[in-house]
């Protein structure tokens, strides 16, 4: 069990590091060229601006994240 936990921890830390590098790339690309670098996040940002907190999709996503966190 310790080996599995260590492998999962290593994979999770690698994923967090990759997301951090991707975030840095996106911020630099947005500041320099005013467009997205790797991930086209502008449509998601506009959708989030139009969607209210009590929308069904937000509640389902929150419930899924709560369940995942409890696991």
N, C-alpha and C. Protein backbone atom coordinates (compact mmCIF):
# COMPACT_ATOMS: atom_id res chain seq x y z
N UNK A 1 0.81 -1.19 0.00
CA UNK A 1 0.00 0.00 0.00
C UNK A 1 0.86 1.26 0.00
N UNK A 2 1.99 1.21 0.68
CA UNK A 2 2.87 2.39 0.70
C UNK A 2 3.38 2.71 -0.70
N UNK A 3 3.69 1.68 -1.46
CA UNK A 3 4.20 1.90 -2.81
C UNK A 3 3.13 2.57 -3.68
N UNK A 4 1.90 2.13 -3.56
CA UNK A 4 0.81 2.73 -4.33
C UNK A 4 0.62 4.19 -3.94
N UNK A 5 0.67 4.47 -2.65
CA UNK A 5 0.52 5.85 -2.19
C UNK A 5 1.66 6.74 -2.70
N UNK A 6 2.84 6.21 -2.70
CA UNK A 6 3.99 6.99 -3.18
C UNK A 6 3.89 7.27 -4.68
N UNK A 7 3.46 6.27 -5.43
CA UNK A 7 3.31 6.46 -6.88
C UNK A 7 2.20 7.47 -7.15
N UNK A 8 1.08 7.34 -6.45
CA UNK A 8 -0.01 8.30 -6.64
C UNK A 8 0.40 9.72 -6.23
N UNK A 9 1.16 9.85 -5.16
CA UNK A 9 1.63 11.17 -4.74
C UNK A 9 2.58 11.76 -5.77
N UNK A 10 3.45 10.93 -6.34
CA UNK A 10 4.36 11.41 -7.37
C UNK A 10 3.60 11.85 -8.62
N UNK A 11 2.59 11.09 -9.01
CA UNK A 11 1.79 11.46 -10.19
C UNK A 11 1.00 12.74 -9.94
N UNK A 12 0.44 12.86 -8.75
CA UNK A 12 -0.31 14.07 -8.42
C UNK A 12 0.60 15.29 -8.39
N UNK A 13 1.79 15.16 -7.82
CA UNK A 13 2.71 16.30 -7.78
C UNK A 13 3.18 16.66 -9.18
N UNK A 14 3.37 15.68 -10.04
CA UNK A 14 3.74 15.96 -11.43
C UNK A 14 2.62 16.68 -12.16
N UNK A 15 1.38 16.26 -11.92
CA UNK A 15 0.24 16.92 -12.55
C UNK A 15 0.11 18.36 -12.08
N UNK A 16 0.30 18.61 -10.78
CA UNK A 16 0.22 19.98 -10.25
C UNK A 16 1.34 20.85 -10.83
N UNK A 17 2.52 20.29 -10.97
CA UNK A 17 3.63 21.04 -11.57
C UNK A 17 3.34 21.37 -13.03
N UNK A 18 2.77 20.43 -13.77
CA UNK A 18 2.44 20.68 -15.17
C UNK A 18 1.37 21.77 -15.31
N UNK A 19 0.37 21.73 -14.44
CA UNK A 19 -0.66 22.77 -14.46
C UNK A 19 -0.06 24.12 -14.12
N UNK A 20 0.87 24.16 -13.20
CA UNK A 20 1.54 25.42 -12.86
C UNK A 20 2.32 25.99 -14.03
N UNK A 21 3.04 25.13 -14.74
CA UNK A 21 3.79 25.59 -15.92
C UNK A 21 2.83 26.07 -17.00
N UNK A 22 1.73 25.35 -17.20
CA UNK A 22 0.73 25.76 -18.18
C UNK A 22 0.12 27.11 -17.82
N UNK A 23 -0.12 27.33 -16.54
CA UNK A 23 -0.65 28.61 -16.09
C UNK A 23 0.33 29.74 -16.36
N UNK A 24 1.59 29.50 -16.10
CA UNK A 24 2.61 30.52 -16.38
C UNK A 24 2.65 30.85 -17.87
N UNK A 25 2.60 29.82 -18.72
CA UNK A 25 2.61 30.03 -20.17
C UNK A 25 1.39 30.84 -20.60
N UNK A 26 0.22 30.50 -20.06
CA UNK A 26 -1.01 31.20 -20.43
C UNK A 26 -0.97 32.67 -20.00
N UNK A 27 -0.48 32.94 -18.80
CA UNK A 27 -0.42 34.33 -18.32
C UNK A 27 0.54 35.15 -19.18
N UNK A 28 1.69 34.60 -19.49
CA UNK A 28 2.66 35.31 -20.33
C UNK A 28 2.09 35.54 -21.72
N UNK A 29 1.46 34.52 -22.30
CA UNK A 29 0.89 34.66 -23.65
C UNK A 29 -0.22 35.70 -23.66
N UNK A 30 -1.05 35.73 -22.62
CA UNK A 30 -2.13 36.70 -22.57
C UNK A 30 -1.60 38.12 -22.41
N UNK A 31 -0.58 38.28 -21.62
CA UNK A 31 -0.02 39.62 -21.40
C UNK A 31 0.74 40.13 -22.63
N UNK A 32 1.41 39.24 -23.34
CA UNK A 32 2.23 39.67 -24.48
C UNK A 32 1.39 39.83 -25.74
N UNK A 33 0.53 38.84 -26.03
CA UNK A 33 -0.19 38.87 -27.31
C UNK A 33 -1.69 39.09 -27.17
N UNK A 34 -2.22 39.18 -25.97
CA UNK A 34 -3.65 39.33 -25.70
C UNK A 34 -4.48 38.20 -26.30
N UNK A 35 -3.89 37.02 -26.42
CA UNK A 35 -4.62 35.83 -26.86
C UNK A 35 -4.13 34.65 -26.03
N UNK A 36 -4.85 33.54 -26.16
CA UNK A 36 -4.47 32.37 -25.37
C UNK A 36 -3.25 31.70 -25.98
N UNK A 37 -2.48 31.05 -25.13
CA UNK A 37 -1.27 30.39 -25.59
C UNK A 37 -1.50 28.96 -25.99
N UNK A 38 -1.90 28.12 -25.05
CA UNK A 38 -2.09 26.69 -25.30
C UNK A 38 -3.57 26.32 -25.22
N UNK A 39 -4.25 26.79 -24.18
CA UNK A 39 -5.65 26.45 -23.96
C UNK A 39 -6.51 27.66 -24.31
N UNK A 40 -7.53 27.44 -25.15
CA UNK A 40 -8.43 28.53 -25.50
C UNK A 40 -9.47 28.67 -24.39
N UNK A 41 -9.18 29.51 -23.39
CA UNK A 41 -10.01 29.63 -22.21
C UNK A 41 -11.01 30.76 -22.29
N UNK A 42 -10.96 31.59 -23.30
CA UNK A 42 -11.86 32.74 -23.40
C UNK A 42 -13.35 32.35 -23.47
N UNK A 43 -13.74 31.32 -24.25
CA UNK A 43 -15.17 30.92 -24.22
C UNK A 43 -15.63 30.44 -22.85
N UNK A 44 -14.78 29.71 -22.14
CA UNK A 44 -15.14 29.25 -20.80
C UNK A 44 -15.29 30.44 -19.84
N UNK A 45 -14.45 31.44 -20.01
CA UNK A 45 -14.53 32.64 -19.17
C UNK A 45 -15.84 33.39 -19.43
N UNK A 46 -16.22 33.50 -20.70
CA UNK A 46 -17.48 34.17 -21.04
C UNK A 46 -18.68 33.38 -20.50
N UNK A 47 -18.62 32.03 -20.61
CA UNK A 47 -19.70 31.20 -20.09
C UNK A 47 -19.83 31.38 -18.58
N UNK A 48 -18.71 31.43 -17.88
CA UNK A 48 -18.74 31.61 -16.43
C UNK A 48 -19.30 32.97 -16.05
N UNK A 49 -19.07 33.96 -16.88
CA UNK A 49 -19.61 35.29 -16.61
C UNK A 49 -21.12 35.36 -16.78
N UNK A 50 -21.68 34.51 -17.66
CA UNK A 50 -23.12 34.50 -17.91
C UNK A 50 -23.89 33.58 -16.96
N UNK A 51 -23.22 32.63 -16.35
CA UNK A 51 -23.89 31.59 -15.58
C UNK A 51 -24.01 32.00 -14.12
N UNK A 52 -25.21 31.79 -13.56
CA UNK A 52 -25.43 32.13 -12.15
C UNK A 52 -25.03 30.95 -11.27
N UNK A 53 -24.80 31.22 -9.99
CA UNK A 53 -24.33 30.19 -9.06
C UNK A 53 -25.36 29.10 -8.82
N UNK A 54 -26.63 29.40 -9.00
CA UNK A 54 -27.67 28.41 -8.73
C UNK A 54 -28.06 27.61 -9.96
N UNK A 55 -27.31 27.72 -11.03
CA UNK A 55 -27.59 26.95 -12.25
C UNK A 55 -27.35 25.46 -11.99
N UNK A 56 -28.09 24.63 -12.71
CA UNK A 56 -27.98 23.18 -12.52
C UNK A 56 -26.60 22.65 -12.82
N UNK A 57 -25.95 23.16 -13.86
CA UNK A 57 -24.62 22.67 -14.21
C UNK A 57 -23.60 22.98 -13.13
N UNK A 58 -23.75 24.13 -12.49
CA UNK A 58 -22.84 24.50 -11.40
C UNK A 58 -23.06 23.59 -10.19
N UNK A 59 -24.32 23.29 -9.90
CA UNK A 59 -24.62 22.42 -8.76
C UNK A 59 -24.11 20.99 -8.99
N UNK A 60 -24.27 20.49 -10.21
CA UNK A 60 -23.78 19.15 -10.52
C UNK A 60 -22.25 19.10 -10.42
N UNK A 61 -21.58 20.11 -10.97
CA UNK A 61 -20.13 20.15 -10.91
C UNK A 61 -19.65 20.26 -9.46
N UNK A 62 -20.32 21.07 -8.66
CA UNK A 62 -19.94 21.20 -7.25
C UNK A 62 -20.15 19.90 -6.50
N UNK A 63 -21.25 19.24 -6.77
CA UNK A 63 -21.50 17.95 -6.13
C UNK A 63 -20.47 16.90 -6.51
N UNK A 64 -20.09 16.89 -7.78
CA UNK A 64 -19.06 15.95 -8.24
C UNK A 64 -17.72 16.24 -7.58
N UNK A 65 -17.37 17.50 -7.45
CA UNK A 65 -16.10 17.87 -6.81
C UNK A 65 -16.12 17.55 -5.32
N UNK A 66 -17.26 17.72 -4.67
CA UNK A 66 -17.38 17.38 -3.25
C UNK A 66 -17.21 15.87 -3.07
N UNK A 67 -17.88 15.09 -3.93
CA UNK A 67 -17.76 13.62 -3.85
C UNK A 67 -16.33 13.17 -4.11
N UNK A 68 -15.68 13.79 -5.09
CA UNK A 68 -14.29 13.44 -5.40
C UNK A 68 -13.38 13.80 -4.22
N UNK A 69 -13.64 14.92 -3.59
CA UNK A 69 -12.85 15.32 -2.44
C UNK A 69 -13.02 14.40 -1.25
N UNK A 70 -14.22 13.88 -1.08
CA UNK A 70 -14.46 12.97 0.02
C UNK A 70 -13.79 11.61 -0.20
N UNK A 71 -13.67 11.23 -1.47
CA UNK A 71 -12.97 9.96 -1.77
C UNK A 71 -11.51 10.08 -1.45
